[in-house]
Amino acid sequence: MVQKTVRFGIEEEFFVSNPSTQHVVVRSVQSFQNEIRRIFDDRASSELLQSQIEIKTKVLTHVAEAFESLAEHRR
């Protein structure tokens, strides 16, 4: 029997909030969006709601990679 490697990825959704009021913003500032894309490259994308961003891991094959990737994103 041929053993197959399981491949998976993880997406995390974040809402951008105003640091003073802690309310979700209606639209995020373009410079903020640009900085997120600079840091995360193609792993970051905008969502339908402009106040929401998505960060994706690369394609993973081991759970240990997932923990490492998520920890890296959250630093």
N, C-alpha and C. Protein backbone atom coordinates (compact mmCIF):
# COMPACT_ATOMS: atom_id res chain seq x y z
N MET A 1 0.84 -1.19 0.00
CA MET A 1 0.00 0.00 0.00
C MET A 1 0.88 1.25 0.00
N VAL A 2 0.58 2.19 -0.86
CA VAL A 2 1.33 3.44 -0.95
C VAL A 2 0.77 4.42 0.07
N GLN A 3 1.65 4.93 0.92
CA GLN A 3 1.22 5.88 1.95
C GLN A 3 1.20 7.28 1.35
N LYS A 4 0.10 7.99 1.53
CA LYS A 4 -0.03 9.34 1.00
C LYS A 4 0.30 10.35 2.08
N THR A 5 0.93 11.43 1.65
CA THR A 5 1.22 12.52 2.56
C THR A 5 0.03 13.46 2.60
N VAL A 6 -0.43 13.75 3.77
CA VAL A 6 -1.55 14.69 3.94
C VAL A 6 -0.99 16.10 3.88
N ARG A 7 -1.60 16.92 3.07
CA ARG A 7 -1.19 18.32 2.95
C ARG A 7 -2.36 19.19 3.41
N PHE A 8 -2.04 20.23 4.16
CA PHE A 8 -3.09 21.11 4.68
C PHE A 8 -2.52 22.50 4.91
N GLY A 9 -3.41 23.43 5.12
CA GLY A 9 -3.03 24.80 5.46
C GLY A 9 -4.02 25.35 6.48
N ILE A 10 -3.64 26.42 7.10
CA ILE A 10 -4.49 27.05 8.11
C ILE A 10 -4.68 28.51 7.74
N GLU A 11 -5.91 28.98 7.85
CA GLU A 11 -6.22 30.39 7.63
C GLU A 11 -6.72 30.97 8.94
N GLU A 12 -6.22 32.16 9.27
CA GLU A 12 -6.69 32.87 10.45
C GLU A 12 -7.30 34.19 9.99
N GLU A 13 -8.43 34.52 10.55
CA GLU A 13 -9.13 35.76 10.22
C GLU A 13 -8.97 36.74 11.39
N PHE A 14 -8.67 37.97 11.07
CA PHE A 14 -8.51 39.01 12.08
C PHE A 14 -9.34 40.22 11.70
N PHE A 15 -9.96 40.83 12.70
CA PHE A 15 -10.67 42.09 12.48
C PHE A 15 -9.77 43.22 12.97
N VAL A 16 -9.69 44.28 12.20
CA VAL A 16 -8.90 45.45 12.55
C VAL A 16 -9.77 46.34 13.44
N SER A 17 -9.21 46.73 14.56
CA SER A 17 -9.98 47.57 15.48
C SER A 17 -9.25 48.87 15.77
N ASN A 18 -10.01 49.84 16.20
CA ASN A 18 -9.47 51.12 16.60
C ASN A 18 -8.84 50.93 17.99
N PRO A 19 -7.57 51.23 18.17
CA PRO A 19 -6.93 50.99 19.48
C PRO A 19 -7.51 51.83 20.61
N SER A 20 -8.09 52.97 20.28
CA SER A 20 -8.67 53.83 21.32
C SER A 20 -10.02 53.32 21.81
N THR A 21 -10.88 52.94 20.85
CA THR A 21 -12.24 52.53 21.21
C THR A 21 -12.42 51.02 21.26
N GLN A 22 -11.50 50.32 20.63
CA GLN A 22 -11.55 48.86 20.48
C GLN A 22 -12.74 48.40 19.65
N HIS A 23 -13.36 49.32 18.91
CA HIS A 23 -14.42 48.97 17.97
C HIS A 23 -13.80 48.55 16.65
N VAL A 24 -14.44 47.64 15.97
CA VAL A 24 -13.98 47.23 14.64
C VAL A 24 -14.12 48.42 13.70
N VAL A 25 -13.08 48.67 12.93
CA VAL A 25 -13.13 49.79 11.99
C VAL A 25 -13.97 49.42 10.78
N VAL A 26 -14.55 50.41 10.14
CA VAL A 26 -15.36 50.16 8.94
C VAL A 26 -14.43 49.85 7.77
N ARG A 27 -13.37 50.61 7.66
CA ARG A 27 -12.36 50.41 6.61
C ARG A 27 -10.98 50.51 7.25
N SER A 28 -10.13 49.59 6.89
CA SER A 28 -8.77 49.69 7.42
C SER A 28 -7.98 50.67 6.56
N VAL A 29 -6.99 51.27 7.14
CA VAL A 29 -6.16 52.26 6.47
C VAL A 29 -5.28 51.53 5.44
N GLN A 30 -5.17 52.11 4.25
CA GLN A 30 -4.42 51.47 3.17
C GLN A 30 -2.96 51.22 3.57
N SER A 31 -2.36 52.14 4.32
CA SER A 31 -0.96 51.94 4.73
C SER A 31 -0.83 50.71 5.64
N PHE A 32 -1.87 50.47 6.45
CA PHE A 32 -1.87 49.27 7.30
C PHE A 32 -1.94 48.02 6.43
N GLN A 33 -2.85 48.02 5.45
CA GLN A 33 -2.97 46.88 4.54
C GLN A 33 -1.64 46.64 3.81
N ASN A 34 -1.00 47.70 3.37
CA ASN A 34 0.28 47.57 2.67
C ASN A 34 1.35 46.96 3.56
N GLU A 35 1.36 47.38 4.81
CA GLU A 35 2.36 46.85 5.75
C GLU A 35 2.12 45.37 6.03
N ILE A 36 0.87 44.98 6.18
CA ILE A 36 0.54 43.56 6.38
C ILE A 36 1.02 42.74 5.20
N ARG A 37 0.77 43.23 3.98
CA ARG A 37 1.22 42.50 2.78
C ARG A 37 2.74 42.47 2.69
N ARG A 38 3.40 43.54 3.13
CA ARG A 38 4.88 43.56 3.12
C ARG A 38 5.43 42.49 4.06
N ILE A 39 4.83 42.39 5.23
CA ILE A 39 5.31 41.44 6.24
C ILE A 39 4.98 40.00 5.85
N PHE A 40 3.75 39.76 5.42
CA PHE A 40 3.29 38.39 5.17
C PHE A 40 3.28 37.98 3.71
N ASP A 41 3.62 38.89 2.81
CA ASP A 41 3.71 38.61 1.37
C ASP A 41 2.38 38.02 0.87
N ASP A 42 2.45 36.92 0.15
CA ASP A 42 1.23 36.34 -0.43
C ASP A 42 0.41 35.54 0.57
N ARG A 43 0.87 35.48 1.83
CA ARG A 43 0.10 34.78 2.87
C ARG A 43 -0.97 35.66 3.48
N ALA A 44 -1.01 36.95 3.10
CA ALA A 44 -2.02 37.87 3.62
C ALA A 44 -2.96 38.29 2.50
N SER A 45 -4.22 38.42 2.85
CA SER A 45 -5.19 38.90 1.86
C SER A 45 -6.31 39.64 2.56
N SER A 46 -6.97 40.49 1.81
CA SER A 46 -8.13 41.21 2.32
C SER A 46 -9.35 40.32 2.17
N GLU A 47 -10.33 40.59 2.95
CA GLU A 47 -11.58 39.85 2.89
C GLU A 47 -12.67 40.77 2.34
N LEU A 48 -13.86 40.24 2.21
CA LEU A 48 -14.98 41.04 1.72
C LEU A 48 -15.19 42.27 2.60
N LEU A 49 -15.15 42.08 3.90
CA LEU A 49 -15.24 43.21 4.83
C LEU A 49 -13.87 43.87 4.87
N GLN A 50 -13.81 45.15 4.64
CA GLN A 50 -12.52 45.84 4.60
C GLN A 50 -11.83 45.90 5.95
N SER A 51 -12.57 45.62 6.99
CA SER A 51 -11.98 45.62 8.34
C SER A 51 -11.40 44.26 8.71
N GLN A 52 -11.44 43.33 7.80
CA GLN A 52 -11.00 41.96 8.08
C GLN A 52 -9.81 41.61 7.20
N ILE A 53 -8.81 40.94 7.79
CA ILE A 53 -7.68 40.43 7.02
C ILE A 53 -7.53 38.95 7.30
N GLU A 54 -6.90 38.27 6.37
CA GLU A 54 -6.70 36.83 6.49
C GLU A 54 -5.20 36.55 6.36
N ILE A 55 -4.69 35.74 7.26
CA ILE A 55 -3.30 35.30 7.19
C ILE A 55 -3.32 33.79 6.99
N LYS A 56 -2.58 33.32 6.00
CA LYS A 56 -2.57 31.89 5.66
C LYS A 56 -1.18 31.31 5.90
N THR A 57 -1.14 30.07 6.32
CA THR A 57 0.14 29.38 6.39
C THR A 57 0.50 28.89 4.99
N LYS A 58 1.73 28.49 4.82
CA LYS A 58 2.11 27.81 3.59
C LYS A 58 1.48 26.42 3.64
N VAL A 59 1.64 25.63 2.59
CA VAL A 59 1.14 24.26 2.60
C VAL A 59 1.99 23.46 3.59
N LEU A 60 1.31 22.75 4.49
CA LEU A 60 1.98 22.02 5.57
C LEU A 60 1.77 20.51 5.40
N THR A 61 2.66 19.74 5.99
CA THR A 61 2.51 18.28 5.97
C THR A 61 2.59 17.67 7.36
N HIS A 62 2.98 18.45 8.37
CA HIS A 62 3.12 17.94 9.73
C HIS A 62 2.50 18.93 10.73
N VAL A 63 1.93 18.40 11.79
CA VAL A 63 1.32 19.24 12.82
C VAL A 63 2.37 20.16 13.45
N ALA A 64 3.58 19.67 13.62
CA ALA A 64 4.63 20.50 14.22
C ALA A 64 4.88 21.75 13.38
N GLU A 65 4.80 21.63 12.05
CA GLU A 65 4.94 22.78 11.16
C GLU A 65 3.82 23.79 11.41
N ALA A 66 2.63 23.28 11.67
CA ALA A 66 1.48 24.16 11.91
C ALA A 66 1.71 24.99 13.17
N PHE A 67 2.14 24.36 14.24
CA PHE A 67 2.40 25.08 15.49
C PHE A 67 3.47 26.14 15.27
N GLU A 68 4.54 25.76 14.57
CA GLU A 68 5.64 26.68 14.32
C GLU A 68 5.18 27.88 13.46
N SER A 69 4.43 27.60 12.43
CA SER A 69 3.95 28.65 11.52
C SER A 69 3.00 29.60 12.25
N LEU A 70 2.06 29.07 13.03
CA LEU A 70 1.13 29.93 13.76
C LEU A 70 1.86 30.78 14.79
N ALA A 71 2.83 30.21 15.46
CA ALA A 71 3.61 30.98 16.45
C ALA A 71 4.37 32.10 15.76
N GLU A 72 4.91 31.83 14.59
CA GLU A 72 5.64 32.84 13.83
C GLU A 72 4.71 33.99 13.41
N HIS A 73 3.51 33.67 12.96
CA HIS A 73 2.54 34.69 12.56
C HIS A 73 2.17 35.59 13.71
N ARG A 74 2.15 35.05 14.91
CA ARG A 74 1.63 35.80 16.07
C ARG A 74 2.69 36.60 16.81
N ARG A 75 3.92 36.56 16.35
CA ARG A 75 4.98 37.34 17.02
C ARG A 75 4.87 38.80 16.71
